[in-house]
Amino acid sequence: MRLLVVEDEPDLAEAVSAYLGSAGHAVDLAPSLDDAGAAAAATDYDLILLDLQLPDGDGLSLLRELRAQGHRTPVLIITARDRITERIAGLEAGADDYLVKPYDLDEMQARIMAILRRSASGVEVERSFGRLLIRPARRQVLLDGETVHLTLREWALIEKLSRRPDLLVSRAQMEDTLYGFGDEVASNAIEAHISRLRNKLGRGAIVTERGFGYRMGRV
């Protein structure tokens, strides 16, 4: 999953980024409202972690702007503001959850995964590709009825491909899904992930259209 962390405290931002990166997420950092707005406009994030007290304004203004523009990206507010009225204001502005500083990183990760499950369950249905069944709400892949264990990055790729199986997904789009801005990406990284997925799901699960990209096949 690709996440945007909007946080102006450098040490905290780096700690959160390192933790989420070790869990298999691609993470971009934005230390200000301007940076966050530009990143959200340019990239399709799976979730945004949003601090409210930023050097150029209140994070709630960005949240309201995103919702007014029709963005449905889940948002987890992470802030030192702990009054009930402030929590209510954040949720009413369109946040999906609210976490008060200081917080435990494991709890943060658990809340992220819970938000993503809720988001998927509200809009997604099961996707069938022959013997392969994908359940986005449960983040589950079944082959012949048996659960296939995927890494977070493998899941992110198969979810991306299966979301619009009629469209080709380019290598660049896959890299955007898995890696944050500034990450060094090995030239064969996507091919390696695809190869591992085919080993787990079957050679026909992912079809390569040379020079154009990848799409879902049938097993």
Protein backbone atom coordinates (compact mmCIF):
# COMPACT_ATOMS: atom_id res chain seq x y z
CA MET A 1 0.00 0.00 0.00
CA ARG A 2 1.15 3.55 -0.68
CA LEU A 3 0.74 5.96 2.23
CA LEU A 4 1.25 9.70 2.69
CA VAL A 5 2.51 10.84 6.10
CA VAL A 6 1.82 14.54 6.70
CA GLU A 7 4.01 15.45 9.67
CA ASP A 8 6.32 18.42 10.31
CA GLU A 9 8.34 16.91 13.19
CA PRO A 10 11.34 15.38 11.35
CA ASP A 11 12.23 12.75 13.96
CA LEU A 12 8.66 11.53 14.29
CA ALA A 13 8.11 11.56 10.53
CA GLU A 14 11.23 9.47 9.95
CA ALA A 15 10.31 7.03 12.73
CA VAL A 16 6.82 6.53 11.31
CA SER A 17 8.15 6.21 7.78
CA ALA A 18 10.76 3.63 8.81
CA TYR A 19 8.19 1.61 10.76
CA LEU A 20 5.65 1.57 7.93
CA GLY A 21 8.36 0.85 5.39
CA SER A 22 9.49 -2.18 7.39
CA ALA A 23 5.87 -3.40 7.31
CA GLY A 24 5.96 -3.36 3.51
CA HIS A 25 4.25 -0.04 2.78
CA ALA A 26 5.50 2.59 0.37
CA VAL A 27 5.66 5.90 2.26
CA ASP A 28 5.88 9.53 1.13
CA LEU A 29 6.51 12.36 3.61
CA ALA A 30 4.99 15.84 3.49
CA PRO A 31 6.03 18.39 6.16
CA SER A 32 3.48 21.07 5.22
CA LEU A 33 -0.01 21.61 3.84
CA ASP A 34 1.38 22.77 0.50
CA ASP A 35 3.52 19.66 0.16
CA ALA A 36 0.66 17.41 1.22
CA GLY A 37 -1.80 18.99 -1.20
CA ALA A 38 0.63 18.65 -4.09
CA ALA A 39 1.36 15.01 -3.23
CA ALA A 40 -2.33 14.13 -2.88
CA ALA A 41 -3.09 15.76 -6.24
CA ALA A 42 -0.31 13.87 -8.00
CA THR A 43 -0.61 10.41 -6.43
CA ASP A 44 -3.41 7.95 -5.72
CA TYR A 45 -2.73 7.07 -2.07
CA ASP A 46 -4.32 4.19 -0.21
CA LEU A 47 -4.35 6.20 3.04
CA ILE A 48 -3.17 9.55 4.43
CA LEU A 49 -1.83 10.01 7.97
CA LEU A 50 -2.52 13.64 8.77
CA ASP A 51 -1.10 15.84 11.52
CA LEU A 52 -3.20 18.91 12.27
CA GLN A 53 -0.67 21.43 13.57
CA LEU A 54 1.43 22.21 10.52
CA PRO A 55 3.72 25.19 9.87
CA ASP A 56 1.51 26.66 7.15
CA GLY A 57 -1.93 25.97 8.64
CA ASP A 58 -4.41 23.51 10.08
CA GLY A 59 -4.53 19.99 8.65
CA LEU A 60 -8.32 20.07 8.86
CA SER A 61 -8.35 22.60 6.01
CA LEU A 62 -6.61 20.07 3.77
CA LEU A 63 -9.00 17.32 4.85
CA ARG A 64 -12.05 19.47 4.11
CA GLU A 65 -10.60 20.47 0.75
CA LEU A 66 -9.95 16.85 -0.25
CA ARG A 67 -13.47 15.79 0.72
CA ALA A 68 -14.99 18.78 -1.09
CA GLN A 69 -13.11 17.73 -4.23
CA GLY A 70 -14.54 14.23 -3.97
CA HIS A 71 -11.41 12.46 -2.73
CA ARG A 72 -12.38 9.28 -0.87
CA THR A 73 -8.86 8.42 0.27
CA PRO A 74 -9.04 7.21 3.90
CA VAL A 75 -7.51 9.64 6.40
CA LEU A 76 -6.14 8.85 9.86
CA ILE A 77 -5.62 12.02 11.91
CA ILE A 78 -2.55 11.86 14.17
CA THR A 79 -2.25 14.85 16.47
CA ALA A 80 -1.58 16.14 19.97
CA ARG A 81 -5.07 17.68 20.08
CA ASP A 82 -6.91 15.44 22.50
CA ARG A 83 -10.07 17.28 23.49
CA ILE A 84 -13.36 15.56 22.65
CA THR A 85 -14.56 18.58 20.67
CA GLU A 86 -11.40 18.46 18.52
CA ARG A 87 -11.84 14.74 17.88
CA ILE A 88 -15.43 15.32 16.84
CA ALA A 89 -14.36 18.16 14.53
CA GLY A 90 -11.84 15.90 12.84
CA LEU A 91 -14.33 13.09 12.29
CA GLU A 92 -17.00 15.50 11.07
CA ALA A 93 -14.51 16.95 8.58
CA GLY A 94 -14.19 13.52 7.00
CA ALA A 95 -11.47 11.65 8.90
CA ASP A 96 -11.83 7.88 9.21
CA ASP A 97 -10.11 7.65 12.60
CA TYR A 98 -8.29 9.80 15.15
CA LEU A 99 -5.11 8.91 17.05
CA VAL A 100 -3.68 11.13 19.80
CA LYS A 101 0.05 11.71 20.33
CA PRO A 102 2.04 10.16 21.84
CA TYR A 103 0.95 6.86 20.34
CA ASP A 104 2.25 3.34 19.93
CA LEU A 105 3.42 2.47 16.41
CA ASP A 106 1.86 -0.98 16.58
CA GLU A 107 -1.50 0.60 17.40
CA MET A 108 -1.05 3.01 14.50
CA GLN A 109 -0.45 0.10 12.12
CA ALA A 110 -3.49 -1.76 13.51
CA ARG A 111 -5.68 1.30 12.98
CA ILE A 112 -4.39 1.70 9.41
CA MET A 113 -5.23 -1.89 8.56
CA ALA A 114 -8.68 -1.58 10.19
CA ILE A 115 -9.43 1.55 8.14
CA LEU A 116 -8.35 -0.15 4.92
CA ARG A 117 -10.52 -3.19 5.69
CA ARG A 118 -13.54 -0.97 6.32
CA SER A 119 -12.86 1.00 3.15
CA ALA A 120 -12.65 -2.16 1.05
CA SER A 121 -15.73 -3.78 2.57
CA GLY A 122 -17.87 -0.80 1.70
CA VAL A 123 -17.09 -0.64 -2.02
CA GLU A 124 -15.52 -3.89 -3.13
CA VAL A 125 -16.85 -7.31 -4.05
CA GLU A 126 -15.11 -10.61 -4.56
CA ARG A 127 -13.19 -10.95 -7.82
CA SER A 128 -12.97 -14.30 -9.58
CA PHE A 129 -10.37 -15.34 -12.17
CA GLY A 130 -10.97 -19.01 -12.83
CA ARG A 131 -9.63 -20.98 -9.87
CA LEU A 132 -8.40 -17.76 -8.28
CA LEU A 133 -10.64 -15.76 -5.91
CA ILE A 134 -9.67 -12.36 -4.50
CA ARG A 135 -11.47 -10.92 -1.47
CA PRO A 136 -10.40 -7.26 -1.08
CA ALA A 137 -12.34 -6.64 2.14
CA ARG A 138 -10.46 -9.49 3.85
CA ARG A 139 -7.22 -8.88 1.96
CA GLN A 140 -7.38 -12.56 1.06
CA VAL A 141 -6.43 -14.58 -2.04
CA LEU A 142 -7.72 -18.13 -2.53
CA LEU A 143 -6.52 -20.68 -5.07
CA ASP A 144 -8.82 -23.69 -5.37
CA GLY A 145 -10.36 -22.63 -2.07
CA GLU A 146 -7.04 -22.55 -0.20
CA THR A 147 -5.59 -19.34 1.20
CA VAL A 148 -2.43 -18.13 -0.55
CA HIS A 149 -0.12 -16.18 1.76
CA LEU A 150 1.18 -13.00 0.12
CA THR A 151 3.53 -10.30 1.33
CA LEU A 152 2.12 -6.78 1.61
CA ARG A 153 3.77 -5.79 -1.66
CA GLU A 154 2.53 -8.89 -3.45
CA TRP A 155 -0.97 -8.14 -2.18
CA ALA A 156 -0.69 -4.51 -3.32
CA LEU A 157 0.20 -5.64 -6.84
CA ILE A 158 -2.52 -8.28 -7.16
CA GLU A 159 -5.10 -5.84 -5.75
CA LYS A 160 -4.00 -3.20 -8.27
CA LEU A 161 -4.19 -5.62 -11.19
CA SER A 162 -7.51 -7.17 -10.21
CA ARG A 163 -9.25 -3.86 -9.44
CA ARG A 164 -9.61 -3.09 -13.17
CA PRO A 165 -8.81 -6.39 -14.92
CA ASP A 166 -9.80 -4.96 -18.30
CA LEU A 167 -6.97 -2.40 -18.18
CA LEU A 168 -3.23 -2.81 -18.55
CA VAL A 169 -1.10 -1.65 -15.63
CA SER A 170 2.27 -0.27 -16.65
CA ARG A 171 5.51 -0.97 -14.85
CA ALA A 172 5.65 2.70 -13.78
CA GLN A 173 2.17 2.46 -12.25
CA MET A 174 3.23 -0.63 -10.31
CA GLU A 175 6.32 1.14 -9.03
CA ASP A 176 4.11 4.03 -7.88
CA THR A 177 2.01 1.54 -5.93
CA LEU A 178 4.97 -0.07 -4.15
CA TYR A 179 7.57 2.66 -3.70
CA GLY A 180 7.64 6.17 -2.30
CA PHE A 181 9.23 9.28 -3.79
CA GLY A 182 12.99 9.06 -3.61
CA ASP A 183 13.12 5.30 -3.04
CA GLU A 184 15.74 3.50 -5.05
CA VAL A 185 14.00 0.90 -7.21
CA ALA A 186 16.00 -1.95 -8.72
CA SER A 187 15.54 -2.27 -12.48
CA ASN A 188 14.06 -5.76 -12.15
CA ALA A 189 12.06 -5.20 -8.94
CA ILE A 190 8.62 -5.40 -10.53
CA GLU A 191 9.57 -8.42 -12.63
CA ALA A 192 10.78 -10.16 -9.48
CA HIS A 193 7.49 -9.51 -7.67
CA ILE A 194 5.49 -10.71 -10.69
CA SER A 195 7.60 -13.87 -10.89
CA ARG A 196 6.95 -14.67 -7.22
CA LEU A 197 3.23 -14.06 -7.66
CA ARG A 198 3.12 -16.42 -10.63
CA ASN A 199 4.91 -19.08 -8.60
CA LYS A 200 2.25 -18.78 -5.90
CA LEU A 201 -0.85 -18.28 -8.06
CA GLY A 202 -0.03 -20.03 -11.33
CA ARG A 203 1.74 -18.93 -14.50
CA GLY A 204 -1.48 -17.73 -16.11
CA ALA A 205 -2.54 -15.51 -13.21
CA ILE A 206 -0.71 -12.48 -14.62
CA VAL A 207 -0.32 -11.80 -18.33
CA THR A 208 2.52 -9.69 -19.73
CA GLU A 209 1.79 -7.46 -22.72
CA ARG A 210 5.35 -6.68 -23.79
CA GLY A 211 6.07 -2.99 -24.06
CA PHE A 212 2.75 -2.04 -22.46
CA GLY A 213 2.34 -3.64 -19.03
CA TYR A 214 0.50 -6.36 -17.17
CA ARG A 215 -3.08 -7.52 -16.67
CA MET A 216 -4.91 -10.25 -14.82
CA GLY A 217 -5.28 -13.62 -16.52
CA ARG A 218 -7.08 -16.79 -15.48
CA VAL A 219 -5.75 -19.82 -13.68
